[in-house]
Amino acid sequence: MNPAPVALFVHNRPAHTERTLRALRANDLASETELYVFSDGPRRPEAAHAVAEVRSLLRNLAGFKRVVVRERERNMGLAENTIAGLTEVISEHGRVIMVEDDNVASPHFLRYMNDGLSVYERDEDVISILCYIYPVGAPLPETFFIRGADTWGWATWKRGWDLFERDGQKLLDEIQARGAAREFNFGGAYNFLGLLKDQIRGRNDSWSIRWYASAFLKNKLTLYPGRSLVKNIGFDATGTHCSVDTDALDVDVADRPVKVERQAIRENPEARRLMARYLRTLKLRLFWSFLKTRVKVGVPRGAPAPVASHAKVDGRE
């Protein structure tokens, strides 16, 4: 196996970045894997020290086959840094595993990702491989498919990334023209369409809601694990798009490998039902967490309550 490269996106959270790097290095394929790190520049002068601290962690970074660091001279912003970085790596290698600075991976993460990329490489209906699954509170298959795409520890091929549509308005128009808003919102379980509208209005800088919409409109499927191989540690009110401290999406990462075997390429309706059931409870849980966070850490009174925390939603960014 020639492992796929990893693209890691970092900004101004050194503690999160250090944990993410430590977890990646603990994977048995790390020493065979090329790591590309994309470090965005500070948005404000007062953030320069934290950005510099993150970049100091990247110097002389060992444990990988090769490390390439891209230090942005200016702040590109979340979406542009991510899109440019993914495009660069995929253009060179034809595939990529994507990680962010708050994605703490299982030691079995890279093995699962590479197995998924290999098994479904030639299946046009499969757009990506994902490592996170909601804590749905019920048993799930070892792996299964769901329509769309998600972004907490994921991988794709050039053929998949080529389908990414940057224009949020174009995506929204097509969803509405098809009368597909309810389906896009998981049967009305969660207002993902509202997140796309907010991206269009400039209220968020989400690339991932556009990635989800791009995959959804092309009727593409993502392979999910029945047990999460990544944990998001960014829901601590430190993220760009998340002013809430919550454990609503917390999971225990898999302590044993998730086996990838070829299966029928179709959406699993029971898994989708369980995900929709979970999403129906999420907004209220996040709202109460937001109120508690406002008191605890002094969130500005005018700050908007979080409308989502799903990977599509960039709640961790």
C-alpha atoms as a PDB file:
ATOM      1  CA  MET A   1       0.000   0.000   0.000  1.00  0.00           C
ATOM      2  CA  ASN A   2       1.186   3.498  -0.874  1.00  0.00           C
ATOM      3  CA  PRO A   3      -0.615   5.592   1.749  1.00  0.00           C
ATOM      4  CA  ALA A   4      -2.538   8.693   0.735  1.00  0.00           C
ATOM      5  CA  PRO A   5      -1.120  12.049   1.870  1.00  0.00           C
ATOM      6  CA  VAL A   6      -2.670  13.900   4.781  1.00  0.00           C
ATOM      7  CA  ALA A   7      -3.592  17.589   4.537  1.00  0.00           C
ATOM      8  CA  LEU A   8      -3.725  19.221   7.987  1.00  0.00           C
ATOM      9  CA  PHE A   9      -5.224  22.696   8.412  1.00  0.00           C
ATOM     10  CA  VAL A  10      -4.135  24.800  11.382  1.00  0.00           C
ATOM     11  CA  HIS A  11      -4.527  28.364  12.574  1.00  0.00           C
ATOM     12  CA  ASN A  12      -4.098  29.699  16.103  1.00  0.00           C
ATOM     13  CA  ARG A  13      -4.725  26.865  18.579  1.00  0.00           C
ATOM     14  CA  PRO A  14      -1.374  25.353  19.601  1.00  0.00           C
ATOM     15  CA  ALA A  15      -2.757  23.032  22.274  1.00  0.00           C
ATOM     16  CA  HIS A  16      -5.308  21.556  19.884  1.00  0.00           C
ATOM     17  CA  THR A  17      -2.709  21.235  17.120  1.00  0.00           C
ATOM     18  CA  GLU A  18      -0.266  19.443  19.407  1.00  0.00           C
ATOM     19  CA  ARG A  19      -2.880  16.842  20.397  1.00  0.00           C
ATOM     20  CA  THR A  20      -3.887  16.336  16.771  1.00  0.00           C
ATOM     21  CA  LEU A  21      -0.273  15.789  15.670  1.00  0.00           C
ATOM     22  CA  ARG A  22       0.434  13.427  18.548  1.00  0.00           C
ATOM     23  CA  ALA A  23      -2.580  11.280  17.625  1.00  0.00           C
ATOM     24  CA  LEU A  24      -1.629  11.173  13.940  1.00  0.00           C
ATOM     25  CA  ARG A  25       1.922  10.096  14.783  1.00  0.00           C
ATOM     26  CA  ALA A  26       0.521   7.199  16.818  1.00  0.00           C
ATOM     27  CA  ASN A  27      -0.924   5.618  13.664  1.00  0.00           C
ATOM     28  CA  ASP A  28       1.030   2.658  12.291  1.00  0.00           C
ATOM     29  CA  LEU A  29       1.052   4.181   8.787  1.00  0.00           C
ATOM     30  CA  ALA A  30       2.315   7.597   9.893  1.00  0.00           C
ATOM     31  CA  SER A  31       5.958   6.894   9.007  1.00  0.00           C
ATOM     32  CA  GLU A  32       4.868   5.995   5.464  1.00  0.00           C
ATOM     33  CA  THR A  33       2.576   9.018   5.062  1.00  0.00           C
ATOM     34  CA  GLU A  34       3.364  12.437   3.602  1.00  0.00           C
ATOM     35  CA  LEU A  35       1.963  15.265   5.713  1.00  0.00           C
ATOM     36  CA  TYR A  36       1.055  18.659   4.254  1.00  0.00           C
ATOM     37  CA  VAL A  37       0.283  21.372   6.796  1.00  0.00           C
ATOM     38  CA  PHE A  38      -1.501  24.570   5.791  1.00  0.00           C
ATOM     39  CA  SER A  39      -1.061  27.305   8.392  1.00  0.00           C
ATOM     40  CA  ASP A  40      -3.316  30.308   7.842  1.00  0.00           C
ATOM     41  CA  GLY A  41      -2.080  33.760   8.798  1.00  0.00           C
ATOM     42  CA  PRO A  42      -3.519  35.715  11.761  1.00  0.00           C
ATOM     43  CA  ARG A  43      -6.800  37.517  11.237  1.00  0.00           C
ATOM     44  CA  ARG A  44      -5.894  40.175  13.794  1.00  0.00           C
ATOM     45  CA  PRO A  45      -2.540  41.420  15.105  1.00  0.00           C
ATOM     46  CA  GLU A  46      -3.256  40.076  18.588  1.00  0.00           C
ATOM     47  CA  ALA A  47      -3.526  36.543  17.127  1.00  0.00           C
ATOM     48  CA  ALA A  48      -0.019  36.626  15.652  1.00  0.00           C
ATOM     49  CA  HIS A  49       1.608  35.128  18.744  1.00  0.00           C
ATOM     50  CA  ALA A  50      -0.722  32.105  18.760  1.00  0.00           C
ATOM     51  CA  VAL A  51      -0.144  31.545  15.037  1.00  0.00           C
ATOM     52  CA  ALA A  52       3.617  31.729  15.610  1.00  0.00           C
ATOM     53  CA  GLU A  53       3.310  29.233  18.461  1.00  0.00           C
ATOM     54  CA  VAL A  54       1.480  26.787  16.197  1.00  0.00           C
ATOM     55  CA  ARG A  55       4.130  27.190  13.513  1.00  0.00           C
ATOM     56  CA  SER A  56       6.877  26.478  16.033  1.00  0.00           C
ATOM     57  CA  LEU A  57       5.308  23.043  16.573  1.00  0.00           C
ATOM     58  CA  LEU A  58       5.701  22.317  12.868  1.00  0.00           C
ATOM     59  CA  ARG A  59       9.434  22.963  12.693  1.00  0.00           C
ATOM     60  CA  ASN A  60      11.509  19.775  12.697  1.00  0.00           C
ATOM     61  CA  LEU A  61       8.301  17.747  12.897  1.00  0.00           C
ATOM     62  CA  ALA A  62       9.173  14.042  12.846  1.00  0.00           C
ATOM     63  CA  GLY A  63       7.246  10.790  12.587  1.00  0.00           C
ATOM     64  CA  PHE A  64       6.069  11.112   8.988  1.00  0.00           C
ATOM     65  CA  LYS A  65       7.575  10.133   5.641  1.00  0.00           C
ATOM     66  CA  ARG A  66       7.798  13.792   4.603  1.00  0.00           C
ATOM     67  CA  VAL A  67       6.436  17.034   6.009  1.00  0.00           C
ATOM     68  CA  VAL A  68       5.565  20.022   3.831  1.00  0.00           C
ATOM     69  CA  VAL A  69       4.467  23.214   5.609  1.00  0.00           C
ATOM     70  CA  ARG A  70       2.693  26.073   3.857  1.00  0.00           C
ATOM     71  CA  GLU A  71       2.753  29.198   6.009  1.00  0.00           C
ATOM     72  CA  ARG A  72       0.268  31.694   4.583  1.00  0.00           C
ATOM     73  CA  GLU A  73       1.660  35.231   4.614  1.00  0.00           C
ATOM     74  CA  ARG A  74      -1.810  36.684   5.118  1.00  0.00           C
ATOM     75  CA  ASN A  75      -5.081  35.429   6.504  1.00  0.00           C
ATOM     76  CA  MET A  76      -6.793  33.653   3.638  1.00  0.00           C
ATOM     77  CA  GLY A  77      -9.788  32.724   5.747  1.00  0.00           C
ATOM     78  CA  LEU A  78     -11.057  29.303   6.651  1.00  0.00           C
ATOM     79  CA  ALA A  79     -12.684  28.380   3.361  1.00  0.00           C
ATOM     80  CA  GLU A  80     -10.037  29.668   0.965  1.00  0.00           C
ATOM     81  CA  ASN A  81      -7.141  28.164   2.902  1.00  0.00           C
ATOM     82  CA  THR A  82      -8.904  24.798   2.959  1.00  0.00           C
ATOM     83  CA  ILE A  83     -10.000  24.809  -0.673  1.00  0.00           C
ATOM     84  CA  ALA A  84      -6.569  25.892  -1.894  1.00  0.00           C
ATOM     85  CA  GLY A  85      -4.778  23.319   0.261  1.00  0.00           C
ATOM     86  CA  LEU A  86      -6.973  20.403  -0.741  1.00  0.00           C
ATOM     87  CA  THR A  87      -6.723  21.359  -4.398  1.00  0.00           C
ATOM     88  CA  GLU A  88      -2.920  21.523  -4.186  1.00  0.00           C
ATOM     89  CA  VAL A  89      -2.521  18.087  -2.611  1.00  0.00           C
ATOM     90  CA  ILE A  90      -5.088  16.376  -4.826  1.00  0.00           C
ATOM     91  CA  SER A  91      -3.551  17.909  -7.946  1.00  0.00           C
ATOM     92  CA  GLU A  92      -0.222  16.333  -7.017  1.00  0.00           C
ATOM     93  CA  HIS A  93      -1.353  13.010  -5.568  1.00  0.00           C
ATOM     94  CA  GLY A  94      -4.865  12.342  -6.912  1.00  0.00           C
ATOM     95  CA  ARG A  95      -6.300  11.738  -3.425  1.00  0.00           C
ATOM     96  CA  VAL A  96      -6.116  13.217   0.055  1.00  0.00           C
ATOM     97  CA  ILE A  97      -6.960  12.587   3.702  1.00  0.00           C
ATOM     98  CA  MET A  98      -8.134  15.796   5.368  1.00  0.00           C
ATOM     99  CA  VAL A  99      -7.663  16.634   9.070  1.00  0.00           C
ATOM    100  CA  GLU A 100      -8.155  19.855  11.027  1.00  0.00           C
ATOM    101  CA  ASP A 101      -6.366  21.117  14.100  1.00  0.00           C
ATOM    102  CA  ASP A 102      -9.040  19.810  16.459  1.00  0.00           C
ATOM    103  CA  ASN A 103      -9.473  16.316  14.982  1.00  0.00           C
ATOM    104  CA  VAL A 104      -7.888  13.804  17.361  1.00  0.00           C
ATOM    105  CA  ALA A 105      -7.624  10.497  15.529  1.00  0.00           C
ATOM    106  CA  SER A 106      -7.707   6.889  16.638  1.00  0.00           C
ATOM    107  CA  PRO A 107      -4.496   4.876  16.077  1.00  0.00           C
ATOM    108  CA  HIS A 108      -6.519   3.008  13.429  1.00  0.00           C
ATOM    109  CA  PHE A 109      -7.505   6.166  11.529  1.00  0.00           C
ATOM    110  CA  LEU A 110      -4.987   6.060   8.671  1.00  0.00           C
ATOM    111  CA  ARG A 111      -5.453   2.339   8.068  1.00  0.00           C
ATOM    112  CA  TYR A 112      -9.217   2.720   7.732  1.00  0.00           C
ATOM    113  CA  MET A 113      -8.898   5.750   5.475  1.00  0.00           C
ATOM    114  CA  ASN A 114      -6.457   4.087   3.132  1.00  0.00           C
ATOM    115  CA  ASP A 115      -8.495   0.891   3.031  1.00  0.00           C
ATOM    116  CA  GLY A 116     -11.602   2.882   2.130  1.00  0.00           C
ATOM    117  CA  LEU A 117      -9.796   4.848  -0.575  1.00  0.00           C
ATOM    118  CA  SER A 118      -8.472   1.611  -2.048  1.00  0.00           C
ATOM    119  CA  VAL A 119     -11.677  -0.455  -1.932  1.00  0.00           C
ATOM    120  CA  TYR A 120     -13.916   2.235  -3.466  1.00  0.00           C
ATOM    121  CA  GLU A 121     -11.396   3.994  -5.702  1.00  0.00           C
ATOM    122  CA  ARG A 122     -13.192   3.077  -8.929  1.00  0.00           C
ATOM    123  CA  ASP A 123     -16.765   3.441  -7.667  1.00  0.00           C
ATOM    124  CA  GLU A 124     -18.051   6.710  -9.101  1.00  0.00           C
ATOM    125  CA  ASP A 125     -21.063   6.736  -6.768  1.00  0.00           C
ATOM    126  CA  VAL A 126     -18.785   7.010  -3.712  1.00  0.00           C
ATOM    127  CA  ILE A 127     -17.482  10.541  -3.199  1.00  0.00           C
ATOM    128  CA  SER A 128     -15.644  10.232   0.117  1.00  0.00           C
ATOM    129  CA  ILE A 129     -14.601   8.191   3.139  1.00  0.00           C
ATOM    130  CA  LEU A 130     -15.501   9.532   6.592  1.00  0.00           C
ATOM    131  CA  CYS A 131     -14.190   8.689  10.073  1.00  0.00           C
ATOM    132  CA  TYR A 132     -16.807  10.298  12.348  1.00  0.00           C
ATOM    133  CA  ILE A 133     -20.293   9.135  13.242  1.00  0.00           C
ATOM    134  CA  TYR A 134     -22.722  10.854  15.593  1.00  0.00           C
ATOM    135  CA  PRO A 135     -23.282   9.279  19.019  1.00  0.00           C
ATOM    136  CA  VAL A 136     -26.657   7.938  17.855  1.00  0.00           C
ATOM    137  CA  GLY A 137     -27.117   5.634  20.838  1.00  0.00           C
ATOM    138  CA  ALA A 138     -27.775   2.470  18.839  1.00  0.00           C
ATOM    139  CA  PRO A 139     -25.655  -0.225  17.145  1.00  0.00           C
ATOM    140  CA  LEU A 140     -24.588   0.451  13.563  1.00  0.00           C
ATOM    141  CA  PRO A 141     -23.004  -1.720  10.856  1.00  0.00           C
ATOM    142  CA  GLU A 142     -19.206  -1.831  10.648  1.00  0.00           C
ATOM    143  CA  THR A 143     -19.461   0.554   7.665  1.00  0.00           C
ATOM    144  CA  PHE A 144     -22.386   1.971   5.710  1.00  0.00           C
ATOM    145  CA  PHE A 145     -23.288   4.636   3.152  1.00  0.00           C
ATOM    146  CA  ILE A 146     -25.154   7.936   3.552  1.00  0.00           C
ATOM    147  CA  ARG A 147     -25.953  10.377   0.759  1.00  0.00           C
ATOM    148  CA  GLY A 148     -23.883  13.568   0.771  1.00  0.00           C
ATOM    149  CA  ALA A 149     -20.498  14.309   2.342  1.00  0.00           C
ATOM    150  CA  ASP A 150     -19.123  15.137   5.771  1.00  0.00           C
ATOM    151  CA  THR A 151     -15.899  16.613   7.068  1.00  0.00           C
ATOM    152  CA  TRP A 152     -14.478  15.475  10.406  1.00  0.00           C
ATOM    153  CA  GLY A 153     -11.619  13.268   9.318  1.00  0.00           C
ATOM    154  CA  TRP A 154     -12.400  12.401   5.721  1.00  0.00           C
ATOM    155  CA  ALA A 155     -10.802  11.491   2.408  1.00  0.00           C
ATOM    156  CA  THR A 156     -11.553  11.744  -1.273  1.00  0.00           C
ATOM    157  CA  TRP A 157     -10.116  11.320  -4.737  1.00  0.00           C
ATOM    158  CA  LYS A 158      -9.618  13.867  -7.499  1.00  0.00           C
ATOM    159  CA  ARG A 159     -12.802  12.668  -9.196  1.00  0.00           C
ATOM    160  CA  GLY A 160     -14.690  13.507  -5.996  1.00  0.00           C
ATOM    161  CA  TRP A 161     -13.122  16.904  -5.323  1.00  0.00           C
ATOM    162  CA  ASP A 162     -13.711  17.885  -8.957  1.00  0.00           C
ATOM    163  CA  LEU A 163     -17.442  17.939  -8.108  1.00  0.00           C
ATOM    164  CA  PHE A 164     -17.006  20.620  -5.441  1.00  0.00           C
ATOM    165  CA  GLU A 165     -19.071  23.701  -6.318  1.00  0.00           C
ATOM    166  CA  ARG A 166     -17.820  26.970  -4.810  1.00  0.00           C
ATOM    167  CA  ASP A 167     -20.936  28.983  -5.689  1.00  0.00           C
ATOM    168  CA  GLY A 168     -23.333  28.630  -2.768  1.00  0.00           C
ATOM    169  CA  GLN A 169     -26.111  30.464  -4.581  1.00  0.00           C
ATOM    170  CA  LYS A 170     -25.950  28.018  -7.458  1.00  0.00           C
ATOM    171  CA  LEU A 171     -26.240  25.119  -5.024  1.00  0.00           C
ATOM    172  CA  LEU A 172     -29.164  26.715  -3.197  1.00  0.00           C
ATOM    173  CA  ASP A 173     -31.017  27.441  -6.430  1.00  0.00           C
ATOM    174  CA  GLU A 174     -30.685  23.837  -7.562  1.00  0.00           C
ATOM    175  CA  ILE A 175     -31.838  22.401  -4.239  1.00  0.00           C
ATOM    176  CA  GLN A 176     -34.891  24.638  -4.289  1.00  0.00           C
ATOM    177  CA  ALA A 177     -35.627  23.977  -7.965  1.00  0.00           C
ATOM    178  CA  ARG A 178     -35.685  20.243  -7.248  1.00  0.00           C
ATOM    179  CA  GLY A 179     -37.906  20.701  -4.200  1.00  0.00           C
ATOM    180  CA  ALA A 180     -35.222  18.888  -2.219  1.00  0.00           C
ATOM    181  CA  ALA A 181     -34.922  21.169   0.815  1.00  0.00           C
ATOM    182  CA  ARG A 182     -36.552  18.733   3.231  1.00  0.00           C
ATOM    183  CA  GLU A 183     -34.358  15.855   2.091  1.00  0.00           C
ATOM    184  CA  PHE A 184     -31.257  18.081   2.305  1.00  0.00           C
ATOM    185  CA  ASN A 185     -32.305  18.813   5.903  1.00  0.00           C
ATOM    186  CA  PHE A 186     -32.446  15.092   6.773  1.00  0.00           C
ATOM    187  CA  GLY A 187     -36.223  14.938   6.571  1.00  0.00           C
ATOM    188  CA  GLY A 188     -36.570  18.235   8.389  1.00  0.00           C
ATOM    189  CA  ALA A 189     -34.379  17.071  11.288  1.00  0.00           C
ATOM    190  CA  TYR A 190     -31.891  19.917  10.946  1.00  0.00           C
ATOM    191  CA  ASN A 191     -31.746  23.228   9.071  1.00  0.00           C
ATOM    192  CA  PHE A 192     -28.705  22.612   6.867  1.00  0.00           C
ATOM    193  CA  LEU A 193     -30.281  24.744   4.158  1.00  0.00           C
ATOM    194  CA  GLY A 194     -30.147  27.689   6.547  1.00  0.00           C
ATOM    195  CA  LEU A 195     -26.411  27.181   6.912  1.00  0.00           C
ATOM    196  CA  LEU A 196     -26.012  27.303   3.148  1.00  0.00           C
ATOM    197  CA  LYS A 197     -28.044  30.508   3.063  1.00  0.00           C
ATOM    198  CA  ASP A 198     -25.844  31.986   5.784  1.00  0.00           C
ATOM    199  CA  GLN A 199     -22.744  31.142   3.757  1.00  0.00           C
ATOM    200  CA  ILE A 200     -24.209  32.973   0.783  1.00  0.00           C
ATOM    201  CA  ARG A 201     -24.967  36.003   2.980  1.00  0.00           C
ATOM    202  CA  GLY A 202     -21.433  35.984   4.382  1.00  0.00           C
ATOM    203  CA  ARG A 203     -22.550  35.044   7.883  1.00  0.00           C
ATOM    204  CA  ASN A 204     -20.214  32.049   7.891  1.00  0.00           C
ATOM    205  CA  ASP A 205     -17.118  31.062   5.925  1.00  0.00           C
ATOM    206  CA  SER A 206     -18.143  27.467   5.435  1.00  0.00           C
ATOM    207  CA  TRP A 207     -16.659  25.413   2.631  1.00  0.00           C
ATOM    208  CA  SER A 208     -18.047  22.206   4.125  1.00  0.00           C
ATOM    209  CA  ILE A 209     -21.750  23.058   3.729  1.00  0.00           C
ATOM    210  CA  ARG A 210     -20.958  23.589   0.045  1.00  0.00           C
ATOM    211  CA  TRP A 211     -19.113  20.262  -0.086  1.00  0.00           C
ATOM    212  CA  TYR A 212     -22.153  18.525   1.426  1.00  0.00           C
ATOM    213  CA  ALA A 213     -24.505  20.266  -1.022  1.00  0.00           C
ATOM    214  CA  SER A 214     -22.249  19.443  -3.978  1.00  0.00           C
ATOM    215  CA  ALA A 215     -22.251  15.738  -3.105  1.00  0.00           C
ATOM    216  CA  PHE A 216     -25.972  15.712  -2.279  1.00  0.00           C
ATOM    217  CA  LEU A 217     -26.970  17.222  -5.621  1.00  0.00           C
ATOM    218  CA  LYS A 218     -24.837  14.696  -7.519  1.00  0.00           C
ATOM    219  CA  ASN A 219     -26.468  11.841  -5.567  1.00  0.00           C
ATOM    220  CA  LYS A 220     -23.080  10.717  -4.280  1.00  0.00           C
ATOM    221  CA  LEU A 221     -22.525   8.578  -1.190  1.00  0.00           C
ATOM    222  CA  THR A 222     -20.033   8.727   1.661  1.00  0.00           C
ATOM    223  CA  LEU A 223     -18.759   5.680   3.522  1.00  0.00           C
ATOM    224  CA  TYR A 224     -19.274   6.047   7.294  1.00  0.00           C
ATOM    225  CA  PRO A 225     -17.826   3.920  10.094  1.00  0.00           C
ATOM    226  CA  GLY A 226     -20.046   2.292  12.682  1.00  0.00           C
ATOM    227  CA  ARG A 227     -17.573   3.520  15.340  1.00  0.00           C
ATOM    228  CA  SER A 228     -15.839   6.885  15.190  1.00  0.00           C
ATOM    229  CA  LEU A 229     -12.137   6.985  14.391  1.00  0.00           C
ATOM    230  CA  VAL A 230     -11.814  10.681  15.166  1.00  0.00           C
ATOM    231  CA  LYS A 231     -12.883  12.921  18.025  1.00  0.00           C
ATOM    232  CA  ASN A 232     -13.459  16.638  17.678  1.00  0.00           C
ATOM    233  CA  ILE A 233     -11.937  18.607  20.566  1.00  0.00           C
ATOM    234  CA  GLY A 234     -12.872  22.022  19.188  1.00  0.00           C
ATOM    235  CA  PHE A 235     -16.203  22.491  20.926  1.00  0.00           C
ATOM    236  CA  ASP A 236     -14.658  24.483  23.741  1.00  0.00           C
ATOM    237  CA  ALA A 237     -15.608  27.994  22.547  1.00  0.00           C
ATOM    238  CA  THR A 238     -12.224  28.451  20.811  1.00  0.00           C
ATOM    239  CA  GLY A 239     -13.256  27.902  17.186  1.00  0.00           C
ATOM    240  CA  THR A 240     -13.881  30.505  14.517  1.00  0.00           C
ATOM    241  CA  HIS A 241     -17.481  29.386  14.018  1.00  0.00           C
ATOM    242  CA  CYS A 242     -18.223  27.955  17.430  1.00  0.00           C
ATOM    243  CA  SER A 243     -18.872  30.119  20.507  1.00  0.00           C
ATOM    244  CA  VAL A 244     -20.145  27.220  22.585  1.00  0.00           C
ATOM    245  CA  ASP A 245     -18.576  24.742  24.987  1.00  0.00           C
ATOM    246  CA  THR A 246     -20.463  21.457  24.586  1.00  0.00           C
ATOM    247  CA  ASP A 247     -20.090  17.701  24.640  1.00  0.00           C
ATOM    248  CA  ALA A 248     -23.168  17.149  22.470  1.00  0.00           C
ATOM    249  CA  LEU A 249     -21.091  15.621  19.665  1.00  0.00           C
ATOM    250  CA  ASP A 250     -18.493  13.934  21.832  1.00  0.00           C
ATOM    251  CA  VAL A 251     -17.535  10.323  21.058  1.00  0.00           C
ATOM    252  CA  ASP A 252     -15.084   7.676  22.191  1.00  0.00           C
ATOM    253  CA  VAL A 253     -12.721   6.852  19.348  1.00  0.00           C
ATOM    254  CA  ALA A 254     -12.554   3.241  18.232  1.00  0.00           C
ATOM    255  CA  ASP A 255     -10.093   1.162  20.220  1.00  0.00           C
ATOM    256  CA  ARG A 256      -9.946  -1.513  17.517  1.00  0.00           C
ATOM    257  CA  PRO A 257      -9.784  -1.306  13.711  1.00  0.00           C
ATOM    258  CA  VAL A 258     -12.873  -0.689  11.609  1.00  0.00           C
ATOM    259  CA  LYS A 259     -12.801  -3.216   8.796  1.00  0.00           C
ATOM    260  CA  VAL A 260     -13.588  -2.014   5.287  1.00  0.00           C
ATOM    261  CA  GLU A 261     -15.161  -4.641   3.050  1.00  0.00           C
ATOM    262  CA  ARG A 262     -16.946  -4.129  -0.241  1.00  0.00           C
ATOM    263  CA  GLN A 263     -20.707  -3.844   0.124  1.00  0.00           C
ATOM    264  CA  ALA A 264     -23.675  -2.797  -1.992  1.00  0.00           C
ATOM    265  CA  ILE A 265     -23.298   0.885  -2.817  1.00  0.00           C
ATOM    266  CA  ARG A 266     -26.590   2.292  -1.566  1.00  0.00           C
ATOM    267  CA  GLU A 267     -27.706   4.415   1.325  1.00  0.00           C
ATOM    268  CA  ASN A 268     -28.466   2.626   4.580  1.00  0.00           C
ATOM    269  CA  PRO A 269     -32.003   3.760   5.533  1.00  0.00           C
ATOM    270  CA  GLU A 270     -31.771   2.633   9.179  1.00  0.00           C
ATOM    271  CA  ALA A 271     -28.496   4.491   9.726  1.00  0.00           C
ATOM    272  CA  ARG A 272     -30.016   7.593   8.134  1.00  0.00           C
ATOM    273  CA  ARG A 273     -33.047   7.289  10.421  1.00  0.00           C
ATOM    274  CA  LEU A 274     -30.832   7.088  13.504  1.00  0.00           C
ATOM    275  CA  MET A 275     -28.797  10.095  12.371  1.00  0.00           C
ATOM    276  CA  ALA A 276     -31.970  12.116  11.752  1.00  0.00           C
ATOM    277  CA  ARG A 277     -33.304  11.172  15.191  1.00  0.00           C
ATOM    278  CA  TYR A 278     -30.092  12.394  16.776  1.00  0.00           C
ATOM    279  CA  LEU A 279     -30.081  15.645  14.775  1.00  0.00           C
ATOM    280  CA  ARG A 280     -33.591  16.468  15.986  1.00  0.00           C
ATOM    281  CA  THR A 281     -32.244  16.657  19.541  1.00  0.00           C
ATOM    282  CA  LEU A 282     -29.057  18.522  18.707  1.00  0.00           C
ATOM    283  CA  LYS A 283     -30.247  22.079  18.260  1.00  0.00           C
ATOM    284  CA  LEU A 284     -31.853  22.272  21.701  1.00  0.00           C
ATOM    285  CA  ARG A 285     -28.784  20.739  23.354  1.00  0.00           C
ATOM    286  CA  LEU A 286     -26.531  23.255  21.636  1.00  0.00           C
ATOM    287  CA  PHE A 287     -28.754  26.156  22.611  1.00  0.00           C
ATOM    288  CA  TRP A 288     -28.597  25.257  26.306  1.00  0.00           C
ATOM    289  CA  SER A 289     -24.842  24.718  26.038  1.00  0.00           C
ATOM    290  CA  PHE A 290     -24.542  28.170  24.474  1.00  0.00           C
ATOM    291  CA  LEU A 291     -26.392  29.782  27.371  1.00  0.00           C
ATOM    292  CA  LYS A 292     -24.127  28.026  29.883  1.00  0.00           C
ATOM    293  CA  THR A 293     -21.035  29.042  27.916  1.00  0.00           C
ATOM    294  CA  ARG A 294     -22.154  32.681  27.827  1.00  0.00           C
ATOM    295  CA  VAL A 295     -22.183  32.718  31.619  1.00  0.00           C
ATOM    296  CA  LYS A 296     -18.983  30.676  32.012  1.00  0.00           C
ATOM    297  CA  VAL A 297     -16.639  32.389  29.555  1.00  0.00           C
ATOM    298  CA  GLY A 298     -18.375  35.670  28.857  1.00  0.00           C
ATOM    299  CA  VAL A 299     -19.625  35.171  25.314  1.00  0.00           C
ATOM    300  CA  PRO A 300     -20.659  38.614  23.979  1.00  0.00           C
ATOM    301  CA  ARG A 301     -24.332  39.251  24.524  1.00  0.00           C
ATOM    302  CA  GLY A 302     -24.966  39.892  20.853  1.00  0.00           C
ATOM    303  CA  ALA A 303     -23.247  36.713  19.678  1.00  0.00           C
ATOM    304  CA  PRO A 304     -25.576  34.398  17.754  1.00  0.00           C
ATOM    305  CA  ALA A 305     -26.480  31.069  19.302  1.00  0.00           C
ATOM    306  CA  PRO A 306     -25.008  28.155  17.359  1.00  0.00           C
ATOM    307  CA  VAL A 307     -27.346  26.764  14.742  1.00  0.00           C
ATOM    308  CA  ALA A 308     -25.366  23.585  14.172  1.00  0.00           C
ATOM    309  CA  SER A 309     -22.312  21.624  15.072  1.00  0.00           C
ATOM    310  CA  HIS A 310     -22.369  18.920  12.484  1.00  0.00           C
ATOM    311  CA  ALA A 311     -19.219  18.502  10.432  1.00  0.00           C
ATOM    312  CA  LYS A 312     -21.035  19.924   7.424  1.00  0.00           C
ATOM    313  CA  VAL A 313     -21.664  23.009   9.456  1.00  0.00           C
ATOM    314  CA  ASP A 314     -18.123  23.925  10.450  1.00  0.00           C
ATOM    315  CA  GLY A 315     -19.184  24.205  14.069  1.00  0.00           C
ATOM    316  CA  ARG A 316     -15.615  23.447  15.103  1.00  0.00           C
ATOM    317  CA  GLU A 317     -13.876  26.038  12.942  1.00  0.00           C
END
